[in-house]
PDB file of N, CA and C in Angstrom:
ATOM      1  N   MET A   1      81.016 117.556  86.823  1.00  0.00           N
ATOM      2  CA  MET A   1      80.316 116.689  88.003  1.00  0.00           C
ATOM      3  C   MET A   1      80.144 115.544  87.508  1.00  0.00           C
ATOM      4  N   LEU A   2      80.397 114.536  88.503  1.00  0.00           N
ATOM      5  CA  LEU A   2      80.308 113.156  88.800  1.00  0.00           C
ATOM      6  C   LEU A   2      79.210 112.476  88.576  1.00  0.00           C
ATOM      7  N   THR A   3      78.919 111.395  87.656  1.00  0.00           N
ATOM      8  CA  THR A   3      78.055 110.663  87.395  1.00  0.00           C
ATOM      9  C   THR A   3      78.409 109.446  87.729  1.00  0.00           C
ATOM     10  N   ALA A   4      76.920 108.440  87.765  1.00  0.00           N
ATOM     11  CA  ALA A   4      77.348 107.308  88.601  1.00  0.00           C
ATOM     12  C   ALA A   4      78.282 106.335  87.453  1.00  0.00           C
ATOM     13  N   ALA A   5      78.542 106.769  86.003  1.00  0.00           N
ATOM     14  CA  ALA A   5      79.571 106.319  85.436  1.00  0.00           C
ATOM     15  C   ALA A   5      81.172 106.275  85.620  1.00  0.00           C
ATOM     16  N   ASP A   6      81.406 107.356  86.528  1.00  0.00           N
ATOM     17  CA  ASP A   6      82.444 107.585  87.413  1.00  0.00           C
ATOM     18  C   ASP A   6      82.912 106.680  88.240  1.00  0.00           C
ATOM     19  N   GLU A   7      81.966 106.331  89.125  1.00  0.00           N
ATOM     20  CA  GLU A   7      82.093 105.462  89.945  1.00  0.00           C
ATOM     21  C   GLU A   7      82.385 103.938  89.617  1.00  0.00           C
ATOM     22  N   HIS A   8      83.135 103.432  90.542  1.00  0.00           N
ATOM     23  CA  HIS A   8      83.307 101.880  90.528  1.00  0.00           C
ATOM     24  C   HIS A   8      83.518 101.119  91.651  1.00  0.00           C
ATOM     25  N   ILE A   9      83.352  99.901  91.780  1.00  0.00           N
ATOM     26  CA  ILE A   9      83.096  99.210  92.947  1.00  0.00           C
ATOM     27  C   ILE A   9      84.666  98.375  92.974  1.00  0.00           C
ATOM     28  N   TYR A  10      85.342  98.928  94.285  1.00  0.00           N
ATOM     29  CA  TYR A  10      86.681  98.531  94.287  1.00  0.00           C
ATOM     30  C   TYR A  10      86.999  97.530  95.614  1.00  0.00           C
ATOM     31  N   THR A  11      88.036  96.844  95.266  1.00  0.00           N
ATOM     32  CA  THR A  11      88.508  95.647  96.559  1.00  0.00           C
ATOM     33  C   THR A  11      89.826  96.210  96.986  1.00  0.00           C
ATOM     34  N   LEU A  12      90.184  96.598  97.777  1.00  0.00           N
ATOM     35  CA  LEU A  12      91.772  96.911  98.236  1.00  0.00           C
ATOM     36  C   LEU A  12      92.188  96.043  99.229  1.00  0.00           C
ATOM     37  N   LYS A  13      93.546  95.481  99.522  1.00  0.00           N
ATOM     38  CA  LYS A  13      93.999  94.541 100.362  1.00  0.00           C
ATOM     39  C   LYS A  13      95.487  95.234 100.896  1.00  0.00           C
ATOM     40  N   PHE A  14      95.543  95.453 102.042  1.00  0.00           N
ATOM     41  CA  PHE A  14      96.700  95.909 102.842  1.00  0.00           C
ATOM     42  C   PHE A  14      97.271  94.937 103.633  1.00  0.00           C
ATOM     43  N   SER A  15      98.558  95.477 103.825  1.00  0.00           N
ATOM     44  CA  SER A  15      99.095  94.452 105.363  1.00  0.00           C
ATOM     45  C   SER A  15      98.864  95.427 106.350  1.00  0.00           C
ATOM     46  N   GLY A  16      98.915  94.695 107.660  1.00  0.00           N
ATOM     47  CA  GLY A  16      98.384  95.462 108.835  1.00  0.00           C
ATOM     48  C   GLY A  16      97.197  94.857 109.145  1.00  0.00           C
ATOM     49  N   THR A  17      96.614  95.595 110.522  1.00  0.00           N
ATOM     50  CA  THR A  17      95.365  95.603 110.763  1.00  0.00           C
ATOM     51  C   THR A  17      94.776  97.200 110.990  1.00  0.00           C
ATOM     52  N   LEU A  18      93.658  97.068 111.046  1.00  0.00           N
ATOM     53  CA  LEU A  18      92.869  98.498 110.801  1.00  0.00           C
ATOM     54  C   LEU A  18      91.977  98.490 111.806  1.00  0.00           C
ATOM     55  N   ALA A  19      91.465  99.710 112.336  1.00  0.00           N
ATOM     56  CA  ALA A  19      90.659  99.878 113.064  1.00  0.00           C
ATOM     57  C   ALA A  19      89.113 100.202 112.600  1.00  0.00           C
ATOM     58  N   ASP A  20      88.041  99.218 112.898  1.00  0.00           N
ATOM     59  CA  ASP A  20      86.932  99.931 112.394  1.00  0.00           C
ATOM     60  C   ASP A  20      86.477 101.277 111.851  1.00  0.00           C
ATOM     61  N   ASP A  21      86.742 102.494 113.315  1.00  0.00           N
ATOM     62  CA  ASP A  21      86.561 103.591 112.822  1.00  0.00           C
ATOM     63  C   ASP A  21      87.037 104.364 111.373  1.00  0.00           C
ATOM     64  N   PHE A  22      87.978 103.789 110.800  1.00  0.00           N
ATOM     65  CA  PHE A  22      88.550 104.154 109.882  1.00  0.00           C
ATOM     66  C   PHE A  22      87.489 104.136 108.472  1.00  0.00           C
ATOM     67  N   LEU A  23      86.685 102.886 108.726  1.00  0.00           N
ATOM     68  CA  LEU A  23      85.700 102.812 107.734  1.00  0.00           C
ATOM     69  C   LEU A  23      84.532 104.287 107.914  1.00  0.00           C
ATOM     70  N   ALA A  24      84.367 104.661 108.961  1.00  0.00           N
ATOM     71  CA  ALA A  24      83.273 105.786 109.552  1.00  0.00           C
ATOM     72  C   ALA A  24      83.887 107.070 108.880  1.00  0.00           C
ATOM     73  N   GLY A  25      85.252 107.185 108.963  1.00  0.00           N
ATOM     74  CA  GLY A  25      85.579 108.535 108.787  1.00  0.00           C
ATOM     75  C   GLY A  25      86.416 108.938 107.136  1.00  0.00           C
ATOM     76  N   TYR A  26      86.473 107.473 106.791  1.00  0.00           N
ATOM     77  CA  TYR A  26      87.206 107.612 105.187  1.00  0.00           C
ATOM     78  C   TYR A  26      86.368 107.247 104.209  1.00  0.00           C
ATOM     79  N   CYS A  27      85.585 105.848 104.367  1.00  0.00           N
ATOM     80  CA  CYS A  27      85.277 105.153 103.548  1.00  0.00           C
ATOM     81  C   CYS A  27      83.832 105.466 103.231  1.00  0.00           C
ATOM     82  N   PRO A  28      83.093 105.382 101.882  1.00  0.00           N
ATOM     83  CA  PRO A  28      81.946 105.466 101.591  1.00  0.00           C
ATOM     84  C   PRO A  28      80.796 104.481 102.438  1.00  0.00           C
ATOM     85  N   GLU A  29      79.525 104.697 102.730  1.00  0.00           N
ATOM     86  CA  GLU A  29      78.589 103.700 103.218  1.00  0.00           C
ATOM     87  C   GLU A  29      78.323 102.453 102.361  1.00  0.00           C
ATOM     88  N   GLY A  30      78.609 101.686 103.191  1.00  0.00           N
ATOM     89  CA  GLY A  30      78.464  99.941 102.290  1.00  0.00           C
ATOM     90  C   GLY A  30      79.813  99.366 102.266  1.00  0.00           C
ATOM     91  N   THR A  31      81.023 100.125 102.449  1.00  0.00           N
ATOM     92  CA  THR A  31      82.461  99.236 102.526  1.00  0.00           C
ATOM     93  C   THR A  31      82.557  98.334 103.735  1.00  0.00           C
ATOM     94  N   ARG A  32      83.176  97.420 103.221  1.00  0.00           N
ATOM     95  CA  ARG A  32      83.159  96.295 104.278  1.00  0.00           C
ATOM     96  C   ARG A  32      84.853  96.394 104.606  1.00  0.00           C
ATOM     97  N   LEU A  33      84.496  95.860 105.952  1.00  0.00           N
ATOM     98  CA  LEU A  33      86.065  95.366 106.253  1.00  0.00           C
ATOM     99  C   LEU A  33      86.262  93.855 106.473  1.00  0.00           C
ATOM    100  N   THR A  34      87.302  93.208 106.082  1.00  0.00           N
ATOM    101  CA  THR A  34      87.481  91.902 106.560  1.00  0.00           C
ATOM    102  C   THR A  34      89.089  91.882 107.029  1.00  0.00           C
ATOM    103  N   VAL A  35      88.981  91.081 107.876  1.00  0.00           N
ATOM    104  CA  VAL A  35      90.293  91.382 108.699  1.00  0.00           C
ATOM    105  C   VAL A  35      91.112  89.761 108.896  1.00  0.00           C
ATOM    106  N   GLU A  36      92.330  89.645 108.251  1.00  0.00           N
ATOM    107  CA  GLU A  36      92.998  88.371 108.282  1.00  0.00           C
ATOM    108  C   GLU A  36      93.855  88.449 109.166  1.00  0.00           C
ATOM    109  N   SER A  37      94.860  87.209 109.300  1.00  0.00           N
ATOM    110  CA  SER A  37      95.989  87.232 110.091  1.00  0.00           C
ATOM    111  C   SER A  37      96.631  88.774 110.186  1.00  0.00           C
ATOM    112  N   ASN A  38      97.463  89.356 109.180  1.00  0.00           N
ATOM    113  CA  ASN A  38      98.197  90.389 109.341  1.00  0.00           C
ATOM    114  C   ASN A  38      97.612  91.133 107.898  1.00  0.00           C
ATOM    115  N   THR A  39      96.649  91.084 107.528  1.00  0.00           N
ATOM    116  CA  THR A  39      96.112  92.089 106.396  1.00  0.00           C
ATOM    117  C   THR A  39      94.792  91.943 106.633  1.00  0.00           C
ATOM    118  N   PHE A  40      94.288  93.419 106.039  1.00  0.00           N
ATOM    119  CA  PHE A  40      93.103  93.529 106.069  1.00  0.00           C
ATOM    120  C   PHE A  40      92.130  93.953 104.337  1.00  0.00           C
ATOM    121  N   THR A  41      91.480  93.809 104.384  1.00  0.00           N
ATOM    122  CA  THR A  41      90.573  94.003 102.680  1.00  0.00           C
ATOM    123  C   THR A  41      89.522  94.693 103.037  1.00  0.00           C
ATOM    124  N   LEU A  42      89.319  96.143 102.114  1.00  0.00           N
ATOM    125  CA  LEU A  42      88.342  96.792 102.191  1.00  0.00           C
ATOM    126  C   LEU A  42      87.670  96.592 100.592  1.00  0.00           C
ATOM    127  N   SER A  43      86.356  95.852 100.901  1.00  0.00           N
ATOM    128  CA  SER A  43      85.561  95.678  99.551  1.00  0.00           C
ATOM    129  C   SER A  43      84.356  96.099  99.714  1.00  0.00           C
ATOM    130  N   ASN A  44      83.532  96.055  98.553  1.00  0.00           N
ATOM    131  CA  ASN A  44      82.427  97.111  98.303  1.00  0.00           C
ATOM    132  C   ASN A  44      82.742  98.275  98.341  1.00  0.00           C
ATOM    133  N   LEU A  45      83.527  99.143  97.894  1.00  0.00           N
ATOM    134  CA  LEU A  45      84.044 100.270  98.156  1.00  0.00           C
ATOM    135  C   LEU A  45      83.889 100.768  96.987  1.00  0.00           C
ATOM    136  N   CYS A  46      82.445 101.538  96.691  1.00  0.00           N
ATOM    137  CA  CYS A  46      82.099 102.211  95.653  1.00  0.00           C
ATOM    138  C   CYS A  46      82.361 103.848  95.465  1.00  0.00           C
ATOM    139  N   THR A  47      83.229 104.151  95.000  1.00  0.00           N
ATOM    140  CA  THR A  47      84.005 105.713  94.831  1.00  0.00           C
ATOM    141  C   THR A  47      84.215 105.802  93.141  1.00  0.00           C
ATOM    142  N   ASP A  48      84.994 107.086  92.858  1.00  0.00           N
ATOM    143  CA  ASP A  48      85.411 107.522  92.167  1.00  0.00           C
ATOM    144  C   ASP A  48      86.722 107.520  92.054  1.00  0.00           C
ATOM    145  N   GLN A  49      87.686 107.644  91.202  1.00  0.00           N
ATOM    146  CA  GLN A  49      89.084 107.668  91.132  1.00  0.00           C
ATOM    147  C   GLN A  49      89.459 108.820  92.178  1.00  0.00           C
ATOM    148  N   ALA A  50      89.297 109.840  92.280  1.00  0.00           N
ATOM    149  CA  ALA A  50      89.661 110.668  93.160  1.00  0.00           C
ATOM    150  C   ALA A  50      89.275 110.377  94.762  1.00  0.00           C
ATOM    151  N   GLY A  51      88.207 109.783  94.920  1.00  0.00           N
ATOM    152  CA  GLY A  51      87.791 108.806  96.116  1.00  0.00           C
ATOM    153  C   GLY A  51      88.933 107.830  96.323  1.00  0.00           C
ATOM    154  N   LEU A  52      88.993 107.026  95.542  1.00  0.00           N
ATOM    155  CA  LEU A  52      90.132 105.962  95.943  1.00  0.00           C
ATOM    156  C   LEU A  52      91.152 106.421  95.922  1.00  0.00           C
ATOM    157  N   LEU A  53      91.996 107.197  95.265  1.00  0.00           N
ATOM    158  CA  LEU A  53      93.122 107.814  95.217  1.00  0.00           C
ATOM    159  C   LEU A  53      93.397 108.416  97.009  1.00  0.00           C
ATOM    160  N   GLY A  54      92.128 109.004  97.119  1.00  0.00           N
ATOM    161  CA  GLY A  54      92.311 109.445  98.561  1.00  0.00           C
ATOM    162  C   GLY A  54      92.193 108.700  99.753  1.00  0.00           C
ATOM    163  N   ILE A  55      91.605 107.429  99.813  1.00  0.00           N
ATOM    164  CA  ILE A  55      91.722 106.276 100.850  1.00  0.00           C
ATOM    165  C   ILE A  55      92.733 105.760 100.577  1.00  0.00           C
ATOM    166  N   VAL A  56      93.350 105.297  99.400  1.00  0.00           N
ATOM    167  CA  VAL A  56      94.848 104.901  99.602  1.00  0.00           C
ATOM    168  C   VAL A  56      95.688 105.607 100.217  1.00  0.00           C
ATOM    169  N   ARG A  57      95.908 107.031  99.462  1.00  0.00           N
ATOM    170  CA  ARG A  57      97.029 108.077 100.319  1.00  0.00           C
ATOM    171  C   ARG A  57      96.704 108.160 101.808  1.00  0.00           C
ATOM    172  N   SER A  58      95.407 108.040 102.409  1.00  0.00           N
ATOM    173  CA  SER A  58      95.105 107.964 103.518  1.00  0.00           C
ATOM    174  C   SER A  58      95.825 106.921 104.755  1.00  0.00           C
ATOM    175  N   LEU A  59      95.647 105.855 103.781  1.00  0.00           N
ATOM    176  CA  LEU A  59      95.941 104.627 104.120  1.00  0.00           C
ATOM    177  C   LEU A  59      98.051 104.441 104.441  1.00  0.00           C
ATOM    178  N   HIS A  60      98.205 105.023 103.093  1.00  0.00           N
ATOM    179  CA  HIS A  60      99.535 104.667 103.078  1.00  0.00           C
ATOM    180  C   HIS A  60     100.405 106.142 103.918  1.00  0.00           C
ATOM    181  N   ASN A  61      99.663 107.130 104.266  1.00  0.00           N
ATOM    182  CA  ASN A  61     100.092 107.753 105.326  1.00  0.00           C
ATOM    183  C   ASN A  61     100.163 107.356 106.827  1.00  0.00           C
ATOM    184  N   LEU A  62      99.662 106.512 106.934  1.00  0.00           N
ATOM    185  CA  LEU A  62      99.274 105.959 108.244  1.00  0.00           C
ATOM    186  C   LEU A  62     100.153 104.578 108.389  1.00  0.00           C
ATOM    187  N   GLY A  63     100.863 104.382 107.187  1.00  0.00           N
ATOM    188  CA  GLY A  63     101.934 103.204 107.407  1.00  0.00           C
ATOM    189  C   GLY A  63     101.498 101.725 106.679  1.00  0.00           C
ATOM    190  N   TYR A  64     100.655 101.751 106.182  1.00  0.00           N
ATOM    191  CA  TYR A  64      99.918 100.575 105.662  1.00  0.00           C
ATOM    192  C   TYR A  64     100.422 100.528 104.250  1.00  0.00           C
ATOM    193  N   VAL A  65     100.701  99.164 103.793  1.00  0.00           N
ATOM    194  CA  VAL A  65     101.326  98.553 102.149  1.00  0.00           C
ATOM    195  C   VAL A  65     100.003  97.981 101.525  1.00  0.00           C
ATOM    196  N   LEU A  66     100.042  98.806 100.497  1.00  0.00           N
ATOM    197  CA  LEU A  66      98.998  98.077  99.420  1.00  0.00           C
ATOM    198  C   LEU A  66      99.450  96.932  98.915  1.00  0.00           C
ATOM    199  N   LEU A  67      98.977  95.996  98.999  1.00  0.00           N
ATOM    200  CA  LEU A  67      99.056  94.530  98.545  1.00  0.00           C
ATOM    201  C   LEU A  67      98.340  94.341  97.180  1.00  0.00           C
ATOM    202  N   SER A  68      97.070  94.774  96.880  1.00  0.00           N
ATOM    203  CA  SER A  68      96.594  94.729  95.784  1.00  0.00           C
ATOM    204  C   SER A  68      95.244  95.555  95.608  1.00  0.00           C
ATOM    205  N   LEU A  69      94.841  95.713  94.361  1.00  0.00           N
ATOM    206  CA  LEU A  69      93.667  96.707  93.985  1.00  0.00           C
ATOM    207  C   LEU A  69      93.001  95.927  92.703  1.00  0.00           C
ATOM    208  N   SER A  70      91.952  95.955  93.241  1.00  0.00           N
ATOM    209  CA  SER A  70      91.286  95.291  91.742  1.00  0.00           C
ATOM    210  C   SER A  70      89.646  95.949  92.032  1.00  0.00           C
ATOM    211  N   ILE A  71      88.901  95.998  90.362  1.00  0.00           N
ATOM    212  CA  ILE A  71      87.806  96.500  90.043  1.00  0.00           C
ATOM    213  C   ILE A  71      86.815  95.270  90.191  1.00  0.00           C
ATOM    214  N   ALA A  72      85.802  95.363  90.577  1.00  0.00           N
ATOM    215  CA  ALA A  72      84.707  94.584  90.323  1.00  0.00           C
ATOM    216  C   ALA A  72      84.358  94.132  88.853  1.00  0.00           C
ATOM    217  N   GLN A  73      84.273  92.581  88.693  1.00  0.00           N
ATOM    218  CA  GLN A  73      83.789  92.102  87.349  1.00  0.00           C
ATOM    219  C   GLN A  73      82.778  92.787  86.626  1.00  0.00           C
ATOM    220  N   GLY A  74      82.857  93.420  85.426  1.00  0.00           N
ATOM    221  CA  GLY A  74      81.616  93.972  84.879  1.00  0.00           C
ATOM    222  C   GLY A  74      81.961  95.339  84.408  1.00  0.00           C
ATOM    223  N   GLU A  75      82.750  95.956  85.499  1.00  0.00           N
ATOM    224  CA  GLU A  75      82.861  97.264  85.689  1.00  0.00           C
ATOM    225  C   GLU A  75      83.935  97.730  84.666  1.00  0.00           C
ATOM    226  N   SER A  76      83.582  99.140  83.895  1.00  0.00           N
ATOM    227  CA  SER A  76      84.728  99.356  83.036  1.00  0.00           C
ATOM    228  C   SER A  76      85.444 100.852  83.749  1.00  0.00           C
TER     229      SER A  76
END
């Protein structure tokens, strides 16, 4: 069973552009999408490691390249 201690807040940056509907289908409520020239960032992504890996794998399967992954400061 997962606890709040198992969840962290992540920021992921990928190359490419992503449709808003990906958030509704794959990301927890509250996740923010920021689109820049040829990259997009998913921030405020509150999940456990299994959920994080699921999102990364889904995006990888769609052809996106992970550029960076960070955990919010103060989280362990």
